[in-house]
């Protein structure tokens, strides 16, 4: 009985693209999800106004209807689906990439893309201090990668 050969290393370019895609999927979508959640106005439902519901049943019904309503709105559902897809990609990445590199790199890139997404979603201005922080984050990613070589 022979063991299968180890999987071929996908190479630096594919690892880099994978990290960037997960960071984008997480970071770019967060501001759009937040914007859609803020703009959500729940419709009136008679069942929610029923005083016989009780506290727990009323809370569960409100949560269920809010989830249902949000998932029916493309402004919320599409970014959420992309974000969750990024989580699946991340799960696949940590199975093959160096864990001590994957987690900080992807989370740092998610921060950088969240800043970009905030600018795209709501037109939020990026301040000078934020630019400096983003440059430091990129420098930190470079140091992490350099330390593993």
C-alpha atoms as a PDB file:
ATOM      1  CA  UNK A   1       0.000   0.000   0.000  1.00  0.00           C
ATOM      2  CA  UNK A   2       1.581   3.239  -1.099  1.00  0.00           C
ATOM      3  CA  UNK A   3       0.836   6.678   0.199  1.00  0.00           C
ATOM      4  CA  UNK A   4      -0.238   9.320  -2.293  1.00  0.00           C
ATOM      5  CA  UNK A   5       2.314  11.993  -3.115  1.00  0.00           C
ATOM      6  CA  UNK A   6       1.900  15.288  -1.263  1.00  0.00           C
ATOM      7  CA  UNK A   7      -0.087  17.904  -3.158  1.00  0.00           C
ATOM      8  CA  UNK A   8       1.947  20.212  -5.336  1.00  0.00           C
ATOM      9  CA  UNK A   9       2.650  23.647  -3.859  1.00  0.00           C
ATOM     10  CA  UNK A  10       0.498  26.132  -5.795  1.00  0.00           C
ATOM     11  CA  UNK A  11       3.249  28.739  -5.808  1.00  0.00           C
ATOM     12  CA  UNK A  12       3.659  32.240  -4.464  1.00  0.00           C
ATOM     13  CA  UNK A  13       1.369  33.907  -7.009  1.00  0.00           C
ATOM     14  CA  UNK A  14      -1.581  31.632  -6.233  1.00  0.00           C
ATOM     15  CA  UNK A  15      -1.083  31.961  -2.463  1.00  0.00           C
ATOM     16  CA  UNK A  16      -0.909  35.732  -2.803  1.00  0.00           C
ATOM     17  CA  UNK A  17      -4.044  35.888  -4.961  1.00  0.00           C
ATOM     18  CA  UNK A  18      -5.863  33.603  -2.534  1.00  0.00           C
ATOM     19  CA  UNK A  19      -4.970  35.786   0.446  1.00  0.00           C
ATOM     20  CA  UNK A  20      -6.052  38.918  -1.434  1.00  0.00           C
ATOM     21  CA  UNK A  21      -9.353  37.366  -2.553  1.00  0.00           C
ATOM     22  CA  UNK A  22     -10.276  36.298   0.972  1.00  0.00           C
ATOM     23  CA  UNK A  23      -9.295  39.706   2.350  1.00  0.00           C
ATOM     24  CA  UNK A  24     -11.418  41.353  -0.327  1.00  0.00           C
ATOM     25  CA  UNK A  25     -14.375  39.050   0.277  1.00  0.00           C
ATOM     26  CA  UNK A  26     -14.311  39.849   3.981  1.00  0.00           C
ATOM     27  CA  UNK A  27     -13.275  43.489   3.971  1.00  0.00           C
ATOM     28  CA  UNK A  28     -15.072  44.970   0.971  1.00  0.00           C
ATOM     29  CA  UNK A  29     -18.409  43.434   1.904  1.00  0.00           C
ATOM     30  CA  UNK A  30     -18.564  44.508   5.563  1.00  0.00           C
ATOM     31  CA  UNK A  31     -19.453  48.174   4.872  1.00  0.00           C
ATOM     32  CA  UNK A  32     -22.129  47.141   2.357  1.00  0.00           C
ATOM     33  CA  UNK A  33     -23.655  44.663   4.825  1.00  0.00           C
ATOM     34  CA  UNK A  34     -23.628  47.342   7.519  1.00  0.00           C
ATOM     35  CA  UNK A  35     -25.183  49.930   5.210  1.00  0.00           C
ATOM     36  CA  UNK A  36     -28.002  47.550   4.233  1.00  0.00           C
ATOM     37  CA  UNK A  37     -28.621  46.655   7.880  1.00  0.00           C
ATOM     38  CA  UNK A  38     -28.745  50.329   8.911  1.00  0.00           C
ATOM     39  CA  UNK A  39     -31.170  51.149   6.102  1.00  0.00           C
ATOM     40  CA  UNK A  40     -33.449  48.242   7.066  1.00  0.00           C
ATOM     41  CA  UNK A  41     -36.898  49.351   8.198  1.00  0.00           C
ATOM     42  CA  UNK A  42     -38.910  46.373   9.418  1.00  0.00           C
ATOM     43  CA  UNK A  43     -42.449  46.158   8.077  1.00  0.00           C
ATOM     44  CA  UNK A  44     -45.308  46.101  10.566  1.00  0.00           C
ATOM     45  CA  UNK A  45     -46.566  42.620  11.331  1.00  0.00           C
ATOM     46  CA  UNK A  46     -49.632  41.945  13.423  1.00  0.00           C
ATOM     47  CA  UNK A  47     -48.138  38.803  14.942  1.00  0.00           C
ATOM     48  CA  UNK A  48     -45.328  40.867  16.456  1.00  0.00           C
ATOM     49  CA  UNK A  49     -47.813  43.214  18.123  1.00  0.00           C
ATOM     50  CA  UNK A  50     -49.689  40.383  19.857  1.00  0.00           C
ATOM     51  CA  UNK A  51     -49.360  40.892  23.648  1.00  0.00           C
ATOM     52  CA  UNK A  52     -49.831  37.143  24.273  1.00  0.00           C
ATOM     53  CA  UNK A  53     -46.507  36.342  22.573  1.00  0.00           C
ATOM     54  CA  UNK A  54     -44.438  36.723  25.696  1.00  0.00           C
ATOM     55  CA  UNK A  55     -40.919  38.113  25.833  1.00  0.00           C
ATOM     56  CA  UNK A  56     -39.029  35.102  24.496  1.00  0.00           C
ATOM     57  CA  UNK A  57     -41.480  34.263  21.708  1.00  0.00           C
ATOM     58  CA  UNK A  58     -41.645  37.938  20.691  1.00  0.00           C
ATOM     59  CA  UNK A  59     -37.850  38.169  20.555  1.00  0.00           C
ATOM     60  CA  UNK A  60     -37.548  34.956  18.510  1.00  0.00           C
ATOM     61  CA  UNK A  61     -40.240  36.111  16.064  1.00  0.00           C
ATOM     62  CA  UNK A  62     -38.599  39.524  15.628  1.00  0.00           C
ATOM     63  CA  UNK A  63     -35.212  37.906  14.979  1.00  0.00           C
ATOM     64  CA  UNK A  64     -36.695  35.414  12.520  1.00  0.00           C
ATOM     65  CA  UNK A  65     -38.597  38.083  10.562  1.00  0.00           C
ATOM     66  CA  UNK A  66     -35.591  40.429  10.537  1.00  0.00           C
ATOM     67  CA  UNK A  67     -33.374  37.647   9.182  1.00  0.00           C
ATOM     68  CA  UNK A  68     -35.968  36.706   6.572  1.00  0.00           C
ATOM     69  CA  UNK A  69     -36.471  40.321   5.486  1.00  0.00           C
ATOM     70  CA  UNK A  70     -32.749  41.085   5.253  1.00  0.00           C
ATOM     71  CA  UNK A  71     -31.929  37.933   3.294  1.00  0.00           C
ATOM     72  CA  UNK A  72     -34.631  38.825   0.758  1.00  0.00           C
ATOM     73  CA  UNK A  73     -32.916  42.168   0.049  1.00  0.00           C
ATOM     74  CA  UNK A  74     -30.117  41.919  -2.540  1.00  0.00           C
ATOM     75  CA  UNK A  75     -28.333  44.905  -0.969  1.00  0.00           C
ATOM     76  CA  UNK A  76     -27.790  42.725   2.110  1.00  0.00           C
ATOM     77  CA  UNK A  77     -27.865  39.175   0.724  1.00  0.00           C
ATOM     78  CA  UNK A  78     -25.294  39.578  -2.066  1.00  0.00           C
ATOM     79  CA  UNK A  79     -22.493  41.033   0.118  1.00  0.00           C
ATOM     80  CA  UNK A  80     -23.316  38.471   2.811  1.00  0.00           C
ATOM     81  CA  UNK A  81     -23.013  35.629   0.300  1.00  0.00           C
ATOM     82  CA  UNK A  82     -19.664  36.959  -0.933  1.00  0.00           C
ATOM     83  CA  UNK A  83     -18.473  37.343   2.676  1.00  0.00           C
ATOM     84  CA  UNK A  84     -19.471  33.778   3.524  1.00  0.00           C
ATOM     85  CA  UNK A  85     -17.779  32.533   0.355  1.00  0.00           C
ATOM     86  CA  UNK A  86     -14.615  34.210   1.619  1.00  0.00           C
ATOM     87  CA  UNK A  87     -14.958  32.183   4.809  1.00  0.00           C
ATOM     88  CA  UNK A  88     -15.087  28.971   2.772  1.00  0.00           C
ATOM     89  CA  UNK A  89     -11.987  30.060   0.837  1.00  0.00           C
ATOM     90  CA  UNK A  90     -10.262  30.831   4.134  1.00  0.00           C
ATOM     91  CA  UNK A  91     -11.112  27.367   5.446  1.00  0.00           C
ATOM     92  CA  UNK A  92      -9.531  25.862   2.340  1.00  0.00           C
ATOM     93  CA  UNK A  93      -6.470  28.110   2.682  1.00  0.00           C
ATOM     94  CA  UNK A  94      -5.688  27.178   6.269  1.00  0.00           C
ATOM     95  CA  UNK A  95      -5.673  23.537   5.225  1.00  0.00           C
ATOM     96  CA  UNK A  96      -2.663  24.089   2.995  1.00  0.00           C
ATOM     97  CA  UNK A  97      -0.961  27.356   3.859  1.00  0.00           C
ATOM     98  CA  UNK A  98       1.226  28.268   6.807  1.00  0.00           C
ATOM     99  CA  UNK A  99      -1.242  29.095   9.596  1.00  0.00           C
ATOM    100  CA  UNK A 100       0.983  31.703  11.247  1.00  0.00           C
ATOM    101  CA  UNK A 101       1.058  33.597   7.944  1.00  0.00           C
ATOM    102  CA  UNK A 102      -2.459  32.999   6.669  1.00  0.00           C
ATOM    103  CA  UNK A 103      -4.384  34.369   9.645  1.00  0.00           C
ATOM    104  CA  UNK A 104      -2.535  37.676  10.118  1.00  0.00           C
ATOM    105  CA  UNK A 105      -2.223  38.332   6.386  1.00  0.00           C
ATOM    106  CA  UNK A 106      -5.872  37.686   5.574  1.00  0.00           C
ATOM    107  CA  UNK A 107      -7.162  39.633   8.584  1.00  0.00           C
ATOM    108  CA  UNK A 108      -4.839  42.545   7.833  1.00  0.00           C
ATOM    109  CA  UNK A 109      -5.946  42.601   4.213  1.00  0.00           C
ATOM    110  CA  UNK A 110      -9.569  42.488   5.362  1.00  0.00           C
ATOM    111  CA  UNK A 111      -8.894  45.662   7.382  1.00  0.00           C
ATOM    112  CA  UNK A 112      -7.372  47.373   4.355  1.00  0.00           C
ATOM    113  CA  UNK A 113     -10.277  46.372   2.136  1.00  0.00           C
ATOM    114  CA  UNK A 114     -12.786  47.467   4.797  1.00  0.00           C
ATOM    115  CA  UNK A 115     -11.352  50.981   4.561  1.00  0.00           C
ATOM    116  CA  UNK A 116     -11.725  50.838   0.776  1.00  0.00           C
ATOM    117  CA  UNK A 117     -15.242  49.397   1.084  1.00  0.00           C
ATOM    118  CA  UNK A 118     -16.248  52.161   3.494  1.00  0.00           C
ATOM    119  CA  UNK A 119     -15.155  54.688   0.913  1.00  0.00           C
ATOM    120  CA  UNK A 120     -17.097  52.863  -1.844  1.00  0.00           C
ATOM    121  CA  UNK A 121     -20.254  52.155   0.178  1.00  0.00           C
ATOM    122  CA  UNK A 122     -20.777  55.426   2.004  1.00  0.00           C
ATOM    123  CA  UNK A 123     -18.138  57.769   0.605  1.00  0.00           C
ATOM    124  CA  UNK A 124     -16.245  57.893   3.891  1.00  0.00           C
ATOM    125  CA  UNK A 125     -13.091  59.989   3.633  1.00  0.00           C
ATOM    126  CA  UNK A 126      -9.822  58.210   4.389  1.00  0.00           C
ATOM    127  CA  UNK A 127      -7.774  60.347   6.773  1.00  0.00           C
ATOM    128  CA  UNK A 128      -4.003  60.710   6.729  1.00  0.00           C
ATOM    129  CA  UNK A 129      -3.602  58.691   9.938  1.00  0.00           C
ATOM    130  CA  UNK A 130      -5.551  55.838   8.373  1.00  0.00           C
ATOM    131  CA  UNK A 131      -3.248  55.875   5.343  1.00  0.00           C
ATOM    132  CA  UNK A 132      -0.249  55.724   7.673  1.00  0.00           C
ATOM    133  CA  UNK A 133      -1.828  52.835   9.563  1.00  0.00           C
ATOM    134  CA  UNK A 134      -2.531  50.994   6.318  1.00  0.00           C
ATOM    135  CA  UNK A 135       1.099  51.434   5.233  1.00  0.00           C
ATOM    136  CA  UNK A 136       2.250  50.066   8.585  1.00  0.00           C
ATOM    137  CA  UNK A 137      -0.079  47.076   8.196  1.00  0.00           C
ATOM    138  CA  UNK A 138       1.391  46.357   4.762  1.00  0.00           C
ATOM    139  CA  UNK A 139       4.879  46.669   6.255  1.00  0.00           C
ATOM    140  CA  UNK A 140       3.893  44.208   8.977  1.00  0.00           C
ATOM    141  CA  UNK A 141       2.621  41.732   6.396  1.00  0.00           C
ATOM    142  CA  UNK A 142       5.942  42.056   4.563  1.00  0.00           C
ATOM    143  CA  UNK A 143       7.853  41.382   7.785  1.00  0.00           C
ATOM    144  CA  UNK A 144       5.733  38.303   8.526  1.00  0.00           C
ATOM    145  CA  UNK A 145       6.361  36.910   5.057  1.00  0.00           C
ATOM    146  CA  UNK A 146      10.077  37.753   5.193  1.00  0.00           C
ATOM    147  CA  UNK A 147      10.452  36.031   8.584  1.00  0.00           C
ATOM    148  CA  UNK A 148       9.139  32.744   7.151  1.00  0.00           C
ATOM    149  CA  UNK A 149      11.652  32.599   4.305  1.00  0.00           C
END
